[in-house]
N, C-alpha and C. Protein backbone atom coordinates (compact mmCIF):
# COMPACT_ATOMS: atom_id res chain seq x y z
N MET A 1 -124.20 52.66 43.70
CA MET A 1 -124.49 53.20 42.38
C MET A 1 -124.80 52.13 41.41
N THR A 2 -125.83 52.11 40.72
CA THR A 2 -126.21 51.19 39.65
C THR A 2 -125.65 51.63 38.34
N VAL A 3 -124.94 50.81 37.64
CA VAL A 3 -124.39 51.26 36.34
C VAL A 3 -124.83 50.22 35.29
N SER A 4 -125.23 50.82 34.09
CA SER A 4 -125.58 50.05 32.98
C SER A 4 -124.30 49.43 32.34
N PHE A 5 -124.20 48.11 32.31
CA PHE A 5 -123.04 47.57 31.74
C PHE A 5 -122.95 47.84 30.25
N ALA A 6 -124.16 47.95 29.47
CA ALA A 6 -124.16 48.34 28.11
C ALA A 6 -123.51 49.68 27.85
N LEU A 7 -124.00 50.63 28.75
CA LEU A 7 -123.51 52.02 28.81
C LEU A 7 -121.97 52.16 29.06
N ALA A 8 -121.57 51.41 30.03
CA ALA A 8 -120.18 51.43 30.37
C ALA A 8 -119.28 50.79 29.29
N ASN A 9 -119.70 49.69 28.69
CA ASN A 9 -119.04 48.98 27.60
C ASN A 9 -118.95 49.91 26.30
N ALA A 10 -120.09 50.59 25.98
CA ALA A 10 -120.17 51.45 24.79
C ALA A 10 -119.11 52.66 25.08
N ALA A 11 -119.13 53.18 26.09
CA ALA A 11 -118.27 54.36 26.43
C ALA A 11 -116.81 53.89 26.42
N ALA A 12 -116.59 52.75 27.05
CA ALA A 12 -115.14 52.29 27.04
C ALA A 12 -114.67 51.99 25.62
N LEU A 13 -115.51 51.44 24.82
CA LEU A 13 -115.04 51.01 23.43
C LEU A 13 -114.54 52.31 22.69
N ARG A 14 -115.19 53.47 23.00
CA ARG A 14 -114.78 54.71 22.25
C ARG A 14 -113.43 55.16 22.77
N GLU A 15 -113.04 54.79 23.96
CA GLU A 15 -111.82 55.18 24.60
C GLU A 15 -110.74 54.02 24.77
N LEU A 16 -111.09 52.90 24.19
CA LEU A 16 -110.39 51.69 24.50
C LEU A 16 -108.76 51.82 24.20
N PRO A 17 -108.41 52.33 23.03
CA PRO A 17 -106.94 52.45 22.85
C PRO A 17 -106.23 53.18 23.99
N ALA A 18 -106.73 54.31 24.39
CA ALA A 18 -106.14 55.09 25.52
C ALA A 18 -106.22 54.35 26.76
N LEU A 19 -107.28 53.77 27.09
CA LEU A 19 -107.47 52.98 28.36
C LEU A 19 -106.43 51.81 28.41
N LEU A 20 -106.34 51.11 27.31
CA LEU A 20 -105.31 49.98 27.28
C LEU A 20 -103.95 50.49 27.36
N ALA A 21 -103.64 51.59 26.78
CA ALA A 21 -102.23 52.16 26.87
C ALA A 21 -101.95 52.51 28.33
N ARG A 22 -103.02 52.90 29.04
CA ARG A 22 -102.83 53.24 30.50
C ARG A 22 -102.67 51.95 31.37
N TRP A 23 -103.56 51.00 31.08
CA TRP A 23 -103.51 49.75 31.92
C TRP A 23 -102.41 48.83 31.56
N LEU A 24 -102.09 48.79 30.32
CA LEU A 24 -101.09 47.81 29.67
C LEU A 24 -100.13 48.51 28.90
N PRO A 25 -99.27 49.40 29.55
CA PRO A 25 -98.42 50.31 28.82
C PRO A 25 -97.34 49.70 27.91
N ASP A 26 -96.99 48.50 28.11
CA ASP A 26 -96.03 47.82 27.23
C ASP A 26 -96.65 47.31 25.94
N GLY A 27 -97.92 47.50 25.74
CA GLY A 27 -98.57 46.92 24.55
C GLY A 27 -98.35 47.65 23.37
N ARG A 28 -99.01 47.13 22.22
CA ARG A 28 -98.90 47.75 20.92
C ARG A 28 -100.13 47.46 20.20
N VAL A 29 -100.54 48.32 19.18
CA VAL A 29 -101.74 48.22 18.30
C VAL A 29 -101.20 47.46 17.14
N ILE A 30 -101.85 46.36 16.69
CA ILE A 30 -101.53 45.63 15.52
C ILE A 30 -102.86 45.39 14.86
N GLY A 31 -103.10 46.12 13.81
CA GLY A 31 -104.45 45.98 13.19
C GLY A 31 -105.51 46.58 13.92
N HIS A 32 -106.55 45.67 14.31
CA HIS A 32 -107.63 46.13 15.10
C HIS A 32 -107.52 45.43 16.51
N GLU A 33 -106.25 45.04 16.82
CA GLU A 33 -106.10 44.43 18.09
C GLU A 33 -104.98 45.10 18.95
N TYR A 34 -105.11 45.11 20.30
CA TYR A 34 -104.08 45.56 21.18
C TYR A 34 -103.41 44.32 21.72
N GLU A 35 -102.04 44.30 21.62
CA GLU A 35 -101.34 43.13 22.06
C GLU A 35 -100.43 43.53 23.25
N ALA A 36 -100.58 42.84 24.33
CA ALA A 36 -99.77 43.17 25.50
C ALA A 36 -99.33 41.96 26.33
N ARG A 37 -98.59 42.16 27.34
CA ARG A 37 -98.21 41.10 28.22
C ARG A 37 -99.29 40.95 29.26
N ASN A 38 -99.59 39.77 29.63
CA ASN A 38 -100.66 39.53 30.72
C ASN A 38 -99.98 39.90 32.10
N PRO A 39 -100.65 40.93 32.77
CA PRO A 39 -99.94 41.31 34.10
C PRO A 39 -100.16 40.18 35.22
N HIS A 40 -100.88 39.12 35.01
CA HIS A 40 -101.16 38.16 36.02
C HIS A 40 -100.25 36.95 35.98
N ARG A 41 -99.32 36.94 35.05
CA ARG A 41 -98.44 35.85 34.84
C ARG A 41 -97.00 36.34 34.36
N SER A 42 -96.11 35.53 34.41
CA SER A 42 -94.74 35.82 33.93
C SER A 42 -94.78 35.74 32.37
N ASP A 43 -95.19 36.77 31.86
CA ASP A 43 -95.33 36.86 30.33
C ASP A 43 -94.24 37.70 29.81
N ARG A 44 -93.23 37.06 29.20
CA ARG A 44 -92.05 37.80 28.76
C ARG A 44 -92.20 38.36 27.34
N ASN A 45 -93.05 37.84 26.55
CA ASN A 45 -93.19 38.25 25.16
C ASN A 45 -94.64 38.76 24.85
N LEU A 46 -94.80 39.64 24.06
CA LEU A 46 -96.06 39.98 23.46
C LEU A 46 -96.55 38.99 22.59
N GLY A 47 -97.84 38.87 22.55
CA GLY A 47 -98.42 37.92 21.52
C GLY A 47 -99.57 37.17 22.01
N SER A 48 -99.66 36.68 23.21
CA SER A 48 -100.69 35.82 23.65
C SER A 48 -101.87 36.48 24.20
N PHE A 49 -101.67 37.76 24.71
CA PHE A 49 -102.69 38.55 25.38
C PHE A 49 -103.14 39.53 24.41
N ARG A 50 -104.41 39.53 23.96
CA ARG A 50 -104.87 40.47 22.92
C ARG A 50 -106.31 40.94 23.27
N VAL A 51 -106.55 42.16 22.91
CA VAL A 51 -107.85 42.85 23.03
C VAL A 51 -108.31 43.34 21.68
N ASN A 52 -109.53 43.02 21.24
CA ASN A 52 -109.96 43.47 20.05
C ASN A 52 -110.48 44.92 20.27
N LEU A 53 -109.98 45.88 19.51
CA LEU A 53 -110.37 47.32 19.70
C LEU A 53 -111.71 47.66 19.25
N ARG A 54 -112.26 46.87 18.37
CA ARG A 54 -113.61 47.17 17.88
C ARG A 54 -114.73 46.61 18.74
N THR A 55 -114.39 45.41 19.30
CA THR A 55 -115.50 44.69 20.11
C THR A 55 -115.26 44.74 21.67
N GLY A 56 -113.98 44.85 21.97
CA GLY A 56 -113.65 44.76 23.43
C GLY A 56 -113.41 43.22 23.86
N ARG A 57 -113.65 42.38 23.02
CA ARG A 57 -113.37 40.97 23.38
C ARG A 57 -111.84 40.77 23.56
N TRP A 58 -111.47 39.92 24.57
CA TRP A 58 -110.07 39.76 24.93
C TRP A 58 -109.80 38.42 25.27
N ALA A 59 -108.56 37.96 25.17
CA ALA A 59 -108.12 36.61 25.52
C ALA A 59 -106.70 36.57 25.77
N ASP A 60 -106.35 35.60 26.64
CA ASP A 60 -104.90 35.23 26.79
C ASP A 60 -104.94 33.77 26.23
N PHE A 61 -104.33 33.66 25.10
CA PHE A 61 -104.40 32.33 24.36
C PHE A 61 -103.35 31.38 25.08
N ALA A 62 -102.58 31.74 25.90
CA ALA A 62 -101.65 30.82 26.63
C ALA A 62 -102.37 30.25 27.79
N THR A 63 -103.34 30.97 28.37
CA THR A 63 -104.04 30.40 29.65
C THR A 63 -105.43 30.04 29.34
N GLY A 64 -106.07 30.55 28.29
CA GLY A 64 -107.48 30.33 28.07
C GLY A 64 -108.43 31.37 28.72
N ASP A 65 -107.87 32.35 29.47
CA ASP A 65 -108.67 33.42 30.06
C ASP A 65 -109.15 34.24 28.98
N GLN A 66 -110.47 34.69 29.11
CA GLN A 66 -111.04 35.45 28.07
C GLN A 66 -112.31 36.16 28.46
N GLY A 67 -112.75 37.10 27.75
CA GLY A 67 -113.96 37.83 28.12
C GLY A 67 -114.50 38.51 26.82
N GLY A 68 -115.71 38.98 26.96
CA GLY A 68 -116.38 39.52 25.81
C GLY A 68 -116.58 40.96 25.72
N ASP A 69 -116.10 41.76 26.73
CA ASP A 69 -116.26 43.19 26.68
C ASP A 69 -115.30 43.97 27.65
N PRO A 70 -115.24 45.29 27.55
CA PRO A 70 -114.32 46.10 28.40
C PRO A 70 -114.64 45.81 29.92
N VAL A 71 -115.85 45.69 30.34
CA VAL A 71 -116.16 45.49 31.82
C VAL A 71 -115.46 44.25 32.28
N SER A 72 -115.62 43.13 31.43
CA SER A 72 -114.92 41.85 31.92
C SER A 72 -113.41 42.03 31.95
N LEU A 73 -112.85 42.84 31.09
CA LEU A 73 -111.39 42.99 31.05
C LEU A 73 -111.01 43.83 32.24
N VAL A 74 -111.72 44.75 32.63
CA VAL A 74 -111.42 45.50 33.92
C VAL A 74 -111.55 44.59 35.08
N ALA A 75 -112.58 43.76 35.10
CA ALA A 75 -112.72 42.76 36.17
C ALA A 75 -111.54 41.90 36.32
N TYR A 76 -111.07 41.36 35.05
CA TYR A 76 -110.00 40.51 35.19
C TYR A 76 -108.59 41.18 35.48
N LEU A 77 -108.35 42.37 34.92
CA LEU A 77 -107.07 43.08 35.16
C LEU A 77 -106.94 43.48 36.58
N PHE A 78 -108.00 43.99 37.23
CA PHE A 78 -107.89 44.50 38.52
C PHE A 78 -108.59 43.66 39.58
N ARG A 79 -108.92 42.36 39.24
CA ARG A 79 -109.50 41.38 40.08
C ARG A 79 -110.63 41.89 40.87
N LEU A 80 -111.71 42.41 40.08
CA LEU A 80 -112.92 42.85 40.68
C LEU A 80 -114.06 42.04 40.19
N SER A 81 -115.15 42.20 40.92
CA SER A 81 -116.46 41.54 40.45
C SER A 81 -116.89 42.35 39.15
N GLN A 82 -117.79 41.85 38.43
CA GLN A 82 -118.24 42.39 37.27
C GLN A 82 -118.96 43.73 37.66
N GLY A 83 -119.72 43.77 38.64
CA GLY A 83 -120.38 44.99 39.00
C GLY A 83 -119.46 46.11 39.44
N GLU A 84 -118.41 45.73 40.24
CA GLU A 84 -117.38 46.69 40.63
C GLU A 84 -116.59 47.23 39.43
N ALA A 85 -116.34 46.31 38.58
CA ALA A 85 -115.58 46.78 37.34
C ALA A 85 -116.38 47.72 36.62
N ALA A 86 -117.69 47.49 36.42
CA ALA A 86 -118.55 48.50 35.73
C ALA A 86 -118.65 49.87 36.36
N ARG A 87 -118.73 49.85 37.70
CA ARG A 87 -118.68 51.04 38.44
C ARG A 87 -117.44 51.74 38.32
N ARG A 88 -116.25 51.08 38.46
CA ARG A 88 -115.00 51.70 38.25
C ARG A 88 -114.78 52.35 36.84
N LEU A 89 -115.21 51.59 35.85
CA LEU A 89 -115.15 52.00 34.47
C LEU A 89 -115.97 53.26 34.24
N ALA A 90 -117.16 53.15 34.77
CA ALA A 90 -118.18 54.27 34.59
C ALA A 90 -117.61 55.59 35.29
N GLY A 91 -117.02 55.45 36.48
CA GLY A 91 -116.42 56.50 37.10
C GLY A 91 -115.31 57.15 36.39
N LEU A 92 -114.44 56.29 35.87
CA LEU A 92 -113.35 56.64 35.08
C LEU A 92 -113.74 57.44 33.90
N LEU A 93 -114.77 56.95 33.28
CA LEU A 93 -115.18 57.64 32.02
C LEU A 93 -116.19 58.82 32.24
N GLY A 94 -116.47 59.10 33.56
CA GLY A 94 -117.39 60.20 33.87
C GLY A 94 -118.84 60.02 33.55
N LEU A 95 -119.32 58.68 33.57
CA LEU A 95 -120.72 58.36 33.31
C LEU A 95 -121.52 58.64 34.59
N ARG A 96 -122.72 58.98 34.44
CA ARG A 96 -123.61 59.12 35.58
C ARG A 96 -124.66 58.04 35.51
N PRO A 97 -125.12 57.62 36.75
CA PRO A 97 -126.12 56.58 36.73
C PRO A 97 -127.47 57.08 36.25
């Protein structure tokens, strides 16, 4: 299945707070950012891993890992290729090719 990254990202941005609460349940919204622990390292405190709720840009300021959209975040969180992340996100959001 071919998925438009732009379509997947746009749909994910509309649902981003709910998606993040599901994927990173210990996080919290602060202003226009979602702050959580990075699940790929021993992150004891909130603060360094953040996702911009308006743009989908994300970063772990402690490691330098970062991305520019929800598809790249899914790829990072679930250790998927960008294409597989887009397909998984599209399926989750009920998008059709």
